[in-house]
Amino acid sequence: MKLMAFGLGYSATAALSRLAPREAVGTTRSAAKAAALAPLAEMRLFDGSPEAAEALRPALTGVTHVLVSIAPAEGPDGGDRVLPVLAEALADEKSLVSIAYLSTVGVYGDHAGAWVDETSECRPKSARSLARVKAENEWLAFGETIGASVAVLRLSGIYGPGRNGLVNLAEGSARRLVKPGQVFNRIHVDDIAAAVERAFATGASGLFNITDDEPAPPQDVVAYAAELMGVAPPPEQDFETAELSPMARSFYGENKRVANLKSKSELGLAYAYPDYRTAFSRMWAEGSWR
């Protein structure tokens, strides 16, 4: 396997660590981050510009698998940032067989707490979710054109080492916002890495929700983390009167329960962290939460 990973952030880095490909090329926009990630992959700078794309072309030679974890461009012309400048170069690589695109369950929009699966209507409201839907479709169409499999992995709220409710409590930034009826799904970063591995191993194409089994109220998750740590949970706050950034408030404007059966039946994904209690208990016991 020669893997090209566009956007080595939190999730893609975990996937690359798990896959340990024979050859790996990764991109980031930061020279400092590129230096830090150098032990994991041959790092290149890429910001979506034609100049950066041209410099990256030689690194694509012989690529067999592509992982895309770059946020799409927003605005009227929004969509994927890779394909506009590198579609031709990728299509020229006849060795390319499989692509995994990391998306978000945010594309479903608000379903008033009802269950959604991959057949459910997408009702995106925010510019970022509209751009995601467009980027998903661009990659699926590209895969059909060149005859490569494309698995669009729709991720729920991402957490894992260094990024979780235990860390928030330790840092004093945890909040217990209460909005009656509100639930969120979550996904541990290790399960994202496993989903990428399974997508490549099966050569699967299509849409897949990568999410835990148990959508839950966010205040319950904070309370459970506090119980594990043996500390008092922060007081509950009414969502309507809480001071929140527009971005944070927008997340609470979407309420849905996300089903993951397709990822189990078609990808053969066995979730190591099927719910937040299992995950937090294990991270706390192992000390891996930091």
C-alpha atoms as a PDB file:
ATOM      1  CA  MET A   1       0.000   0.000   0.000  1.00  0.00           C
ATOM      2  CA  LYS A   2       1.114   3.508  -0.844  1.00  0.00           C
ATOM      3  CA  LEU A   3      -1.160   5.882   1.027  1.00  0.00           C
ATOM      4  CA  MET A   4      -1.759   9.539   0.244  1.00  0.00           C
ATOM      5  CA  ALA A   5      -3.318  11.274   3.252  1.00  0.00           C
ATOM      6  CA  PHE A   6      -4.669  14.753   2.598  1.00  0.00           C
ATOM      7  CA  GLY A   7      -4.896  16.668   5.865  1.00  0.00           C
ATOM      8  CA  LEU A   8      -3.093  14.887   8.689  1.00  0.00           C
ATOM      9  CA  GLY A   9      -5.216  16.077  11.584  1.00  0.00           C
ATOM     10  CA  TYR A  10      -6.381  14.227  14.698  1.00  0.00           C
ATOM     11  CA  SER A  11      -8.402  11.501  12.948  1.00  0.00           C
ATOM     12  CA  ALA A  12      -6.213  10.978   9.883  1.00  0.00           C
ATOM     13  CA  THR A  13      -3.089  10.709  12.046  1.00  0.00           C
ATOM     14  CA  ALA A  14      -4.744   7.958  14.097  1.00  0.00           C
ATOM     15  CA  ALA A  15      -5.713   6.148  10.889  1.00  0.00           C
ATOM     16  CA  LEU A  16      -2.188   6.387   9.503  1.00  0.00           C
ATOM     17  CA  SER A  17      -0.734   5.059  12.759  1.00  0.00           C
ATOM     18  CA  ARG A  18      -3.062   2.058  12.611  1.00  0.00           C
ATOM     19  CA  LEU A  19      -2.554   1.313   8.917  1.00  0.00           C
ATOM     20  CA  ALA A  20       1.252   1.621   9.008  1.00  0.00           C
ATOM     21  CA  PRO A  21       1.437   1.528   5.196  1.00  0.00           C
ATOM     22  CA  ARG A  22       4.548   0.528   3.276  1.00  0.00           C
ATOM     23  CA  GLU A  23       4.740   4.081   1.928  1.00  0.00           C
ATOM     24  CA  ALA A  24       2.844   7.130   3.163  1.00  0.00           C
ATOM     25  CA  VAL A  25       2.674  10.740   2.067  1.00  0.00           C
ATOM     26  CA  GLY A  26       0.813  13.214   4.244  1.00  0.00           C
ATOM     27  CA  THR A  27      -0.116  16.852   3.896  1.00  0.00           C
ATOM     28  CA  THR A  28      -0.592  19.747   6.278  1.00  0.00           C
ATOM     29  CA  ARG A  29      -0.633  23.515   5.920  1.00  0.00           C
ATOM     30  CA  SER A  30       1.878  24.066   8.722  1.00  0.00           C
ATOM     31  CA  ALA A  31       5.634  23.598   8.378  1.00  0.00           C
ATOM     32  CA  ALA A  32       5.914  23.045  12.139  1.00  0.00           C
ATOM     33  CA  LYS A  33       3.255  20.336  12.054  1.00  0.00           C
ATOM     34  CA  ALA A  34       4.908  18.754   9.023  1.00  0.00           C
ATOM     35  CA  ALA A  35       8.152  18.477  10.978  1.00  0.00           C
ATOM     36  CA  ALA A  36       6.358  16.918  13.954  1.00  0.00           C
ATOM     37  CA  LEU A  37       4.642  14.328  11.753  1.00  0.00           C
ATOM     38  CA  ALA A  38       7.724  13.453   9.725  1.00  0.00           C
ATOM     39  CA  PRO A  39       8.271  10.107  11.553  1.00  0.00           C
ATOM     40  CA  LEU A  40       4.808   8.997  10.391  1.00  0.00           C
ATOM     41  CA  ALA A  41       4.886   9.948   6.709  1.00  0.00           C
ATOM     42  CA  GLU A  42       6.724  11.825   4.000  1.00  0.00           C
ATOM     43  CA  MET A  43       5.225  15.232   4.714  1.00  0.00           C
ATOM     44  CA  ARG A  44       4.304  17.853   2.127  1.00  0.00           C
ATOM     45  CA  LEU A  45       2.709  21.273   2.495  1.00  0.00           C
ATOM     46  CA  PHE A  46      -0.667  21.629   0.780  1.00  0.00           C
ATOM     47  CA  ASP A  47      -3.207  24.443   1.067  1.00  0.00           C
ATOM     48  CA  GLY A  48      -5.383  23.682  -1.927  1.00  0.00           C
ATOM     49  CA  SER A  49      -3.624  26.144  -4.217  1.00  0.00           C
ATOM     50  CA  PRO A  50      -2.575  25.215  -7.772  1.00  0.00           C
ATOM     51  CA  GLU A  51       1.057  25.916  -6.831  1.00  0.00           C
ATOM     52  CA  ALA A  52       0.956  23.511  -3.882  1.00  0.00           C
ATOM     53  CA  ALA A  53      -0.805  20.921  -6.036  1.00  0.00           C
ATOM     54  CA  GLU A  54       1.873  21.115  -8.708  1.00  0.00           C
ATOM     55  CA  ALA A  55       4.589  20.598  -6.108  1.00  0.00           C
ATOM     56  CA  LEU A  56       2.699  17.589  -4.739  1.00  0.00           C
ATOM     57  CA  ARG A  57       2.168  15.778  -8.063  1.00  0.00           C
ATOM     58  CA  PRO A  58       5.455  13.784  -8.034  1.00  0.00           C
ATOM     59  CA  ALA A  59       4.544  12.332  -4.622  1.00  0.00           C
ATOM     60  CA  LEU A  60       1.381  10.783  -6.098  1.00  0.00           C
ATOM     61  CA  THR A  61       3.299   8.358  -8.309  1.00  0.00           C
ATOM     62  CA  GLY A  62       2.217   4.798  -7.555  1.00  0.00           C
ATOM     63  CA  VAL A  63      -0.419   5.770  -4.975  1.00  0.00           C
ATOM     64  CA  THR A  64      -2.849   2.936  -4.214  1.00  0.00           C
ATOM     65  CA  HIS A  65      -5.014   4.422  -1.440  1.00  0.00           C
ATOM     66  CA  VAL A  66      -6.155   7.952  -0.631  1.00  0.00           C
ATOM     67  CA  LEU A  67      -7.458   9.282   2.681  1.00  0.00           C
ATOM     68  CA  VAL A  68      -9.085  12.720   2.583  1.00  0.00           C
ATOM     69  CA  SER A  69      -9.502  14.660   5.827  1.00  0.00           C
ATOM     70  CA  ILE A  70      -9.528  18.270   4.653  1.00  0.00           C
ATOM     71  CA  ALA A  71     -12.504  20.501   5.429  1.00  0.00           C
ATOM     72  CA  PRO A  72     -14.264  21.691   2.279  1.00  0.00           C
ATOM     73  CA  ALA A  73     -14.266  25.279   1.127  1.00  0.00           C
ATOM     74  CA  GLU A  74     -17.409  27.176   2.112  1.00  0.00           C
ATOM     75  CA  GLY A  75     -19.279  29.826   0.147  1.00  0.00           C
ATOM     76  CA  PRO A  76     -21.170  29.728  -3.169  1.00  0.00           C
ATOM     77  CA  ASP A  77     -18.359  27.846  -4.878  1.00  0.00           C
ATOM     78  CA  GLY A  78     -17.633  25.657  -1.870  1.00  0.00           C
ATOM     79  CA  GLY A  79     -16.795  21.990  -2.083  1.00  0.00           C
ATOM     80  CA  ASP A  80     -13.764  19.763  -1.921  1.00  0.00           C
ATOM     81  CA  ARG A  81     -10.338  21.432  -1.901  1.00  0.00           C
ATOM     82  CA  VAL A  82      -8.345  18.539  -3.400  1.00  0.00           C
ATOM     83  CA  LEU A  83     -10.201  17.577  -6.572  1.00  0.00           C
ATOM     84  CA  PRO A  84     -10.239  21.022  -8.240  1.00  0.00           C
ATOM     85  CA  VAL A  85      -6.441  21.004  -8.387  1.00  0.00           C
ATOM     86  CA  LEU A  86      -5.476  17.306  -8.308  1.00  0.00           C
ATOM     87  CA  ALA A  87      -8.282  15.299  -9.939  1.00  0.00           C
ATOM     88  CA  GLU A  88      -6.354  14.928 -13.188  1.00  0.00           C
ATOM     89  CA  ALA A  89      -3.160  13.861 -11.442  1.00  0.00           C
ATOM     90  CA  LEU A  90      -5.014  11.301  -9.304  1.00  0.00           C
ATOM     91  CA  ALA A  91      -6.906   9.953 -12.315  1.00  0.00           C
ATOM     92  CA  ASP A  92      -3.592   9.403 -14.091  1.00  0.00           C
ATOM     93  CA  GLU A  93      -2.464   7.033 -11.329  1.00  0.00           C
ATOM     94  CA  LYS A  94      -3.917   3.725 -12.520  1.00  0.00           C
ATOM     95  CA  SER A  95      -2.623   2.130  -9.320  1.00  0.00           C
ATOM     96  CA  LEU A  96      -5.286   3.977  -7.260  1.00  0.00           C
ATOM     97  CA  VAL A  97      -7.913   1.503  -6.068  1.00  0.00           C
ATOM     98  CA  SER A  98      -9.533   2.888  -2.914  1.00  0.00           C
ATOM     99  CA  ILE A  99     -10.442   6.257  -1.408  1.00  0.00           C
ATOM    100  CA  ALA A 100     -11.792   7.078   2.069  1.00  0.00           C
ATOM    101  CA  TYR A 101     -13.344  10.492   2.608  1.00  0.00           C
ATOM    102  CA  LEU A 102     -13.885  11.645   6.202  1.00  0.00           C
ATOM    103  CA  SER A 103     -17.164  13.547   6.392  1.00  0.00           C
ATOM    104  CA  THR A 104     -19.592  14.330   9.216  1.00  0.00           C
ATOM    105  CA  VAL A 105     -23.071  13.349  10.399  1.00  0.00           C
ATOM    106  CA  GLY A 106     -23.735  17.101  10.306  1.00  0.00           C
ATOM    107  CA  VAL A 107     -24.836  16.597   6.692  1.00  0.00           C
ATOM    108  CA  TYR A 108     -28.138  15.171   7.990  1.00  0.00           C
ATOM    109  CA  GLY A 109     -29.076  18.461   9.639  1.00  0.00           C
ATOM    110  CA  ASP A 110     -31.905  18.458  12.160  1.00  0.00           C
ATOM    111  CA  HIS A 111     -34.284  15.489  12.445  1.00  0.00           C
ATOM    112  CA  ALA A 112     -35.908  16.489  15.765  1.00  0.00           C
ATOM    113  CA  GLY A 113     -34.289  13.612  17.647  1.00  0.00           C
ATOM    114  CA  ALA A 114     -35.401  10.896  15.210  1.00  0.00           C
ATOM    115  CA  TRP A 115     -33.131   8.072  14.060  1.00  0.00           C
ATOM    116  CA  VAL A 116     -31.270   8.576  10.783  1.00  0.00           C
ATOM    117  CA  ASP A 117     -29.292   6.172   8.630  1.00  0.00           C
ATOM    118  CA  GLU A 118     -27.494   6.416   5.300  1.00  0.00           C
ATOM    119  CA  THR A 119     -30.805   6.468   3.413  1.00  0.00           C
ATOM    120  CA  SER A 120     -32.145   9.449   5.386  1.00  0.00           C
ATOM    121  CA  GLU A 121     -32.641  12.850   3.812  1.00  0.00           C
ATOM    122  CA  CYS A 122     -29.780  15.326   4.215  1.00  0.00           C
ATOM    123  CA  ARG A 123     -31.100  18.641   5.522  1.00  0.00           C
ATOM    124  CA  PRO A 124     -27.935  20.701   5.948  1.00  0.00           C
ATOM    125  CA  LYS A 125     -28.429  24.270   7.134  1.00  0.00           C
ATOM    126  CA  SER A 126     -24.951  25.585   7.866  1.00  0.00           C
ATOM    127  CA  ALA A 127     -22.538  26.573   5.118  1.00  0.00           C
ATOM    128  CA  ARG A 128     -20.034  24.001   6.363  1.00  0.00           C
ATOM    129  CA  SER A 129     -22.559  21.148   6.104  1.00  0.00           C
ATOM    130  CA  LEU A 130     -23.752  22.257   2.668  1.00  0.00           C
ATOM    131  CA  ALA A 131     -20.129  22.241   1.528  1.00  0.00           C
ATOM    132  CA  ARG A 132     -19.670  18.753   2.999  1.00  0.00           C
ATOM    133  CA  VAL A 133     -22.550  17.329   0.997  1.00  0.00           C
ATOM    134  CA  LYS A 134     -21.114  18.834  -2.175  1.00  0.00           C
ATOM    135  CA  ALA A 135     -17.643  17.445  -1.405  1.00  0.00           C
ATOM    136  CA  GLU A 136     -19.063  13.975  -0.689  1.00  0.00           C
ATOM    137  CA  ASN A 137     -20.810  13.937  -4.051  1.00  0.00           C
ATOM    138  CA  GLU A 138     -17.688  15.167  -5.832  1.00  0.00           C
ATOM    139  CA  TRP A 139     -15.598  12.305  -4.440  1.00  0.00           C
ATOM    140  CA  LEU A 140     -18.276   9.672  -5.152  1.00  0.00           C
ATOM    141  CA  ALA A 141     -18.544  10.900  -8.748  1.00  0.00           C
ATOM    142  CA  PHE A 142     -14.762  10.948  -9.116  1.00  0.00           C
ATOM    143  CA  GLY A 143     -14.512   7.352  -7.908  1.00  0.00           C
ATOM    144  CA  GLU A 144     -17.093   6.247 -10.473  1.00  0.00           C
ATOM    145  CA  THR A 145     -15.218   8.059 -13.223  1.00  0.00           C
ATOM    146  CA  ILE A 146     -11.855   6.412 -12.532  1.00  0.00           C
ATOM    147  CA  GLY A 147     -13.150   3.043 -11.306  1.00  0.00           C
ATOM    148  CA  ALA A 148     -11.899   3.345  -7.716  1.00  0.00           C
ATOM    149  CA  SER A 149     -13.947   2.595  -4.601  1.00  0.00           C
ATOM    150  CA  VAL A 150     -14.936   5.615  -2.495  1.00  0.00           C
ATOM    151  CA  ALA A 151     -16.157   5.167   1.076  1.00  0.00           C
ATOM    152  CA  VAL A 152     -17.630   8.324   2.567  1.00  0.00           C
ATOM    153  CA  LEU A 153     -17.303   7.935   6.333  1.00  0.00           C
ATOM    154  CA  ARG A 154     -19.742  10.211   8.166  1.00  0.00           C
ATOM    155  CA  LEU A 155     -18.307  10.802  11.624  1.00  0.00           C
ATOM    156  CA  SER A 156     -20.156  11.874  14.751  1.00  0.00           C
ATOM    157  CA  GLY A 157     -18.584  13.920  17.589  1.00  0.00           C
ATOM    158  CA  ILE A 158     -14.915  12.926  17.714  1.00  0.00           C
ATOM    159  CA  TYR A 159     -13.070  12.261  20.980  1.00  0.00           C
ATOM    160  CA  GLY A 160     -10.094  10.300  22.228  1.00  0.00           C
ATOM    161  CA  PRO A 161      -6.735  10.835  23.957  1.00  0.00           C
ATOM    162  CA  GLY A 162      -6.234  14.507  24.762  1.00  0.00           C
ATOM    163  CA  ARG A 163      -9.693  15.445  23.505  1.00  0.00           C
ATOM    164  CA  ASN A 164     -12.506  14.333  25.809  1.00  0.00           C
ATOM    165  CA  GLY A 165     -14.671  15.211  28.798  1.00  0.00           C
ATOM    166  CA  LEU A 166     -12.065  14.032  31.301  1.00  0.00           C
ATOM    167  CA  VAL A 167      -9.572  16.526  29.878  1.00  0.00           C
ATOM    168  CA  ASN A 168     -12.197  19.273  29.979  1.00  0.00           C
ATOM    169  CA  LEU A 169     -12.894  18.577  33.639  1.00  0.00           C
ATOM    170  CA  ALA A 170      -9.191  18.530  34.484  1.00  0.00           C
ATOM    171  CA  GLU A 171      -8.714  21.855  32.709  1.00  0.00           C
ATOM    172  CA  GLY A 172     -11.799  23.421  34.243  1.00  0.00           C
ATOM    173  CA  SER A 173     -13.516  24.009  30.909  1.00  0.00           C
ATOM    174  CA  ALA A 174     -16.296  21.396  31.190  1.00  0.00           C
ATOM    175  CA  ARG A 175     -19.909  22.620  31.053  1.00  0.00           C
ATOM    176  CA  ARG A 176     -23.217  20.847  31.557  1.00  0.00           C
ATOM    177  CA  LEU A 177     -25.541  22.487  29.090  1.00  0.00           C
ATOM    178  CA  VAL A 178     -29.102  21.211  29.254  1.00  0.00           C
ATOM    179  CA  LYS A 179     -31.488  21.405  26.309  1.00  0.00           C
ATOM    180  CA  PRO A 180     -34.474  19.104  26.883  1.00  0.00           C
ATOM    181  CA  GLY A 181     -34.546  16.212  24.417  1.00  0.00           C
ATOM    182  CA  GLN A 182     -31.113  17.002  22.943  1.00  0.00           C
ATOM    183  CA  VAL A 183     -28.821  14.065  22.193  1.00  0.00           C
ATOM    184  CA  PHE A 184     -25.549  13.609  20.343  1.00  0.00           C
ATOM    185  CA  ASN A 185     -23.694  10.592  19.016  1.00  0.00           C
ATOM    186  CA  ARG A 186     -19.951  10.286  19.511  1.00  0.00           C
ATOM    187  CA  ILE A 187     -17.036   8.323  18.048  1.00  0.00           C
ATOM    188  CA  HIS A 188     -13.652   7.437  19.529  1.00  0.00           C
ATOM    189  CA  VAL A 189     -10.742   8.246  17.236  1.00  0.00           C
ATOM    190  CA  ASP A 190      -9.522   4.634  17.383  1.00  0.00           C
ATOM    191  CA  ASP A 191     -12.837   3.483  15.904  1.00  0.00           C
ATOM    192  CA  ILE A 192     -12.423   6.032  13.104  1.00  0.00           C
ATOM    193  CA  ALA A 193      -9.008   4.541  12.360  1.00  0.00           C
ATOM    194  CA  ALA A 194     -10.537   1.054  12.350  1.00  0.00           C
ATOM    195  CA  ALA A 195     -13.270   2.233   9.959  1.00  0.00           C
ATOM    196  CA  VAL A 196     -10.687   3.551   7.489  1.00  0.00           C
ATOM    197  CA  GLU A 197      -8.828   0.252   7.737  1.00  0.00           C
ATOM    198  CA  ARG A 198     -12.016  -1.713   7.036  1.00  0.00           C
ATOM    199  CA  ALA A 199     -13.005   0.567   4.135  1.00  0.00           C
ATOM    200  CA  PHE A 200      -9.674  -0.082   2.451  1.00  0.00           C
ATOM    201  CA  ALA A 201      -9.688  -3.805   3.266  1.00  0.00           C
ATOM    202  CA  THR A 202     -13.174  -4.354   1.831  1.00  0.00           C
ATOM    203  CA  GLY A 203     -12.934  -1.914  -1.070  1.00  0.00           C
ATOM    204  CA  ALA A 204     -16.331  -0.614  -0.008  1.00  0.00           C
ATOM    205  CA  SER A 205     -18.074   2.237  -1.785  1.00  0.00           C
ATOM    206  CA  GLY A 206     -20.899   4.481  -0.601  1.00  0.00           C
ATOM    207  CA  LEU A 207     -22.016   6.215   2.572  1.00  0.00           C
ATOM    208  CA  PHE A 208     -21.262   4.873   6.049  1.00  0.00           C
ATOM    209  CA  ASN A 209     -22.153   6.337   9.443  1.00  0.00           C
ATOM    210  CA  ILE A 210     -19.210   5.862  11.797  1.00  0.00           C
ATOM    211  CA  THR A 211     -20.696   6.438  15.210  1.00  0.00           C
ATOM    212  CA  ASP A 212     -21.288   4.821  18.580  1.00  0.00           C
ATOM    213  CA  ASP A 213     -24.368   2.825  19.558  1.00  0.00           C
ATOM    214  CA  GLU A 214     -25.764   5.258  22.091  1.00  0.00           C
ATOM    215  CA  PRO A 215     -26.832   8.825  21.354  1.00  0.00           C
ATOM    216  CA  ALA A 216     -26.910  10.552  24.734  1.00  0.00           C
ATOM    217  CA  PRO A 217     -27.566  13.947  26.360  1.00  0.00           C
ATOM    218  CA  PRO A 218     -24.269  15.860  26.605  1.00  0.00           C
ATOM    219  CA  GLN A 219     -24.774  16.702  30.288  1.00  0.00           C
ATOM    220  CA  ASP A 220     -24.894  12.972  31.118  1.00  0.00           C
ATOM    221  CA  VAL A 221     -21.478  12.441  29.553  1.00  0.00           C
ATOM    222  CA  VAL A 222     -19.926  15.201  31.667  1.00  0.00           C
ATOM    223  CA  ALA A 223     -21.542  13.788  34.808  1.00  0.00           C
ATOM    224  CA  TYR A 224     -20.168  10.319  34.090  1.00  0.00           C
ATOM    225  CA  ALA A 225     -16.665  11.682  33.539  1.00  0.00           C
ATOM    226  CA  ALA A 226     -16.872  13.551  36.856  1.00  0.00           C
ATOM    227  CA  GLU A 227     -18.000  10.375  38.614  1.00  0.00           C
ATOM    228  CA  LEU A 228     -14.975   8.481  37.280  1.00  0.00           C
ATOM    229  CA  MET A 229     -12.620  11.245  38.399  1.00  0.00           C
ATOM    230  CA  GLY A 230     -14.259  11.495  41.816  1.00  0.00           C
ATOM    231  CA  VAL A 231     -14.991  15.200  41.425  1.00  0.00           C
ATOM    232  CA  ALA A 232     -18.178  17.233  41.575  1.00  0.00           C
ATOM    233  CA  PRO A 233     -19.679  17.817  38.143  1.00  0.00           C
ATOM    234  CA  PRO A 234     -20.136  21.414  37.035  1.00  0.00           C
ATOM    235  CA  PRO A 235     -23.636  22.782  37.658  1.00  0.00           C
ATOM    236  CA  GLU A 236     -26.250  22.359  34.976  1.00  0.00           C
ATOM    237  CA  GLN A 237     -26.815  25.385  32.751  1.00  0.00           C
ATOM    238  CA  ASP A 238     -29.910  26.147  30.725  1.00  0.00           C
ATOM    239  CA  PHE A 239     -28.971  26.111  27.049  1.00  0.00           C
ATOM    240  CA  GLU A 240     -31.275  28.993  26.180  1.00  0.00           C
ATOM    241  CA  THR A 241     -29.601  31.451  28.562  1.00  0.00           C
ATOM    242  CA  ALA A 242     -26.013  30.135  28.386  1.00  0.00           C
ATOM    243  CA  GLU A 243     -23.320  32.247  26.748  1.00  0.00           C
ATOM    244  CA  LEU A 244     -22.156  30.326  23.679  1.00  0.00           C
ATOM    245  CA  SER A 245     -20.320  31.076  20.479  1.00  0.00           C
ATOM    246  CA  PRO A 246     -22.444  31.001  17.316  1.00  0.00           C
ATOM    247  CA  MET A 247     -20.605  27.827  16.271  1.00  0.00           C
ATOM    248  CA  ALA A 248     -21.332  26.051  19.575  1.00  0.00           C
ATOM    249  CA  ARG A 249     -24.975  27.130  19.517  1.00  0.00           C
ATOM    250  CA  SER A 250     -25.383  25.893  15.946  1.00  0.00           C
ATOM    251  CA  PHE A 251     -24.453  22.345  17.006  1.00  0.00           C
ATOM    252  CA  TYR A 252     -27.416  22.307  19.386  1.00  0.00           C
ATOM    253  CA  GLY A 253     -29.699  23.365  16.541  1.00  0.00           C
ATOM    254  CA  GLU A 254     -29.408  19.846  15.112  1.00  0.00           C
ATOM    255  CA  ASN A 255     -30.853  16.906  17.003  1.00  0.00           C
ATOM    256  CA  LYS A 256     -30.780  13.332  15.700  1.00  0.00           C
ATOM    257  CA  ARG A 257     -29.950   9.765  16.622  1.00  0.00           C
ATOM    258  CA  VAL A 258     -27.486   8.249  14.157  1.00  0.00           C
ATOM    259  CA  ALA A 259     -27.604   4.531  13.336  1.00  0.00           C
ATOM    260  CA  ASN A 260     -24.428   2.568  12.527  1.00  0.00           C
ATOM    261  CA  LEU A 261     -25.731  -0.844  11.357  1.00  0.00           C
ATOM    262  CA  LYS A 262     -24.402  -0.453   7.804  1.00  0.00           C
ATOM    263  CA  SER A 263     -20.847   0.073   9.031  1.00  0.00           C
ATOM    264  CA  LYS A 264     -21.077  -3.197  10.943  1.00  0.00           C
ATOM    265  CA  SER A 265     -22.740  -5.277   8.235  1.00  0.00           C
ATOM    266  CA  GLU A 266     -20.895  -3.985   5.151  1.00  0.00           C
ATOM    267  CA  LEU A 267     -17.532  -2.851   6.526  1.00  0.00           C
ATOM    268  CA  GLY A 268     -17.404  -5.526   9.216  1.00  0.00           C
ATOM    269  CA  LEU A 269     -16.521  -2.840  11.735  1.00  0.00           C
ATOM    270  CA  ALA A 270     -16.413  -3.999  15.348  1.00  0.00           C
ATOM    271  CA  TYR A 271     -16.540  -0.912  17.556  1.00  0.00           C
ATOM    272  CA  ALA A 272     -14.017  -0.981  20.385  1.00  0.00           C
ATOM    273  CA  TYR A 273     -15.855   1.895  22.087  1.00  0.00           C
ATOM    274  CA  PRO A 274     -19.588   1.325  21.481  1.00  0.00           C
ATOM    275  CA  ASP A 275     -20.722   3.921  24.033  1.00  0.00           C
ATOM    276  CA  TYR A 276     -19.262   6.762  26.099  1.00  0.00           C
ATOM    277  CA  ARG A 277     -19.283   4.826  29.383  1.00  0.00           C
ATOM    278  CA  THR A 278     -17.182   2.015  27.921  1.00  0.00           C
ATOM    279  CA  ALA A 279     -14.794   4.530  26.383  1.00  0.00           C
ATOM    280  CA  PHE A 280     -14.405   6.823  29.387  1.00  0.00           C
ATOM    281  CA  SER A 281     -14.017   3.916  31.816  1.00  0.00           C
ATOM    282  CA  ARG A 282     -11.306   2.377  29.665  1.00  0.00           C
ATOM    283  CA  MET A 283      -9.457   5.652  29.049  1.00  0.00           C
ATOM    284  CA  TRP A 284      -9.558   6.458  32.759  1.00  0.00           C
ATOM    285  CA  ALA A 285      -8.343   2.977  33.786  1.00  0.00           C
ATOM    286  CA  GLU A 286      -5.537   3.020  31.196  1.00  0.00           C
ATOM    287  CA  GLY A 287      -4.587   6.634  31.752  1.00  0.00           C
ATOM    288  CA  SER A 288      -4.891   7.165  27.993  1.00  0.00           C
ATOM    289  CA  TRP A 289      -7.349  10.060  28.333  1.00  0.00           C
ATOM    290  CA  ARG A 290      -4.552  12.618  28.532  1.00  0.00           C
END
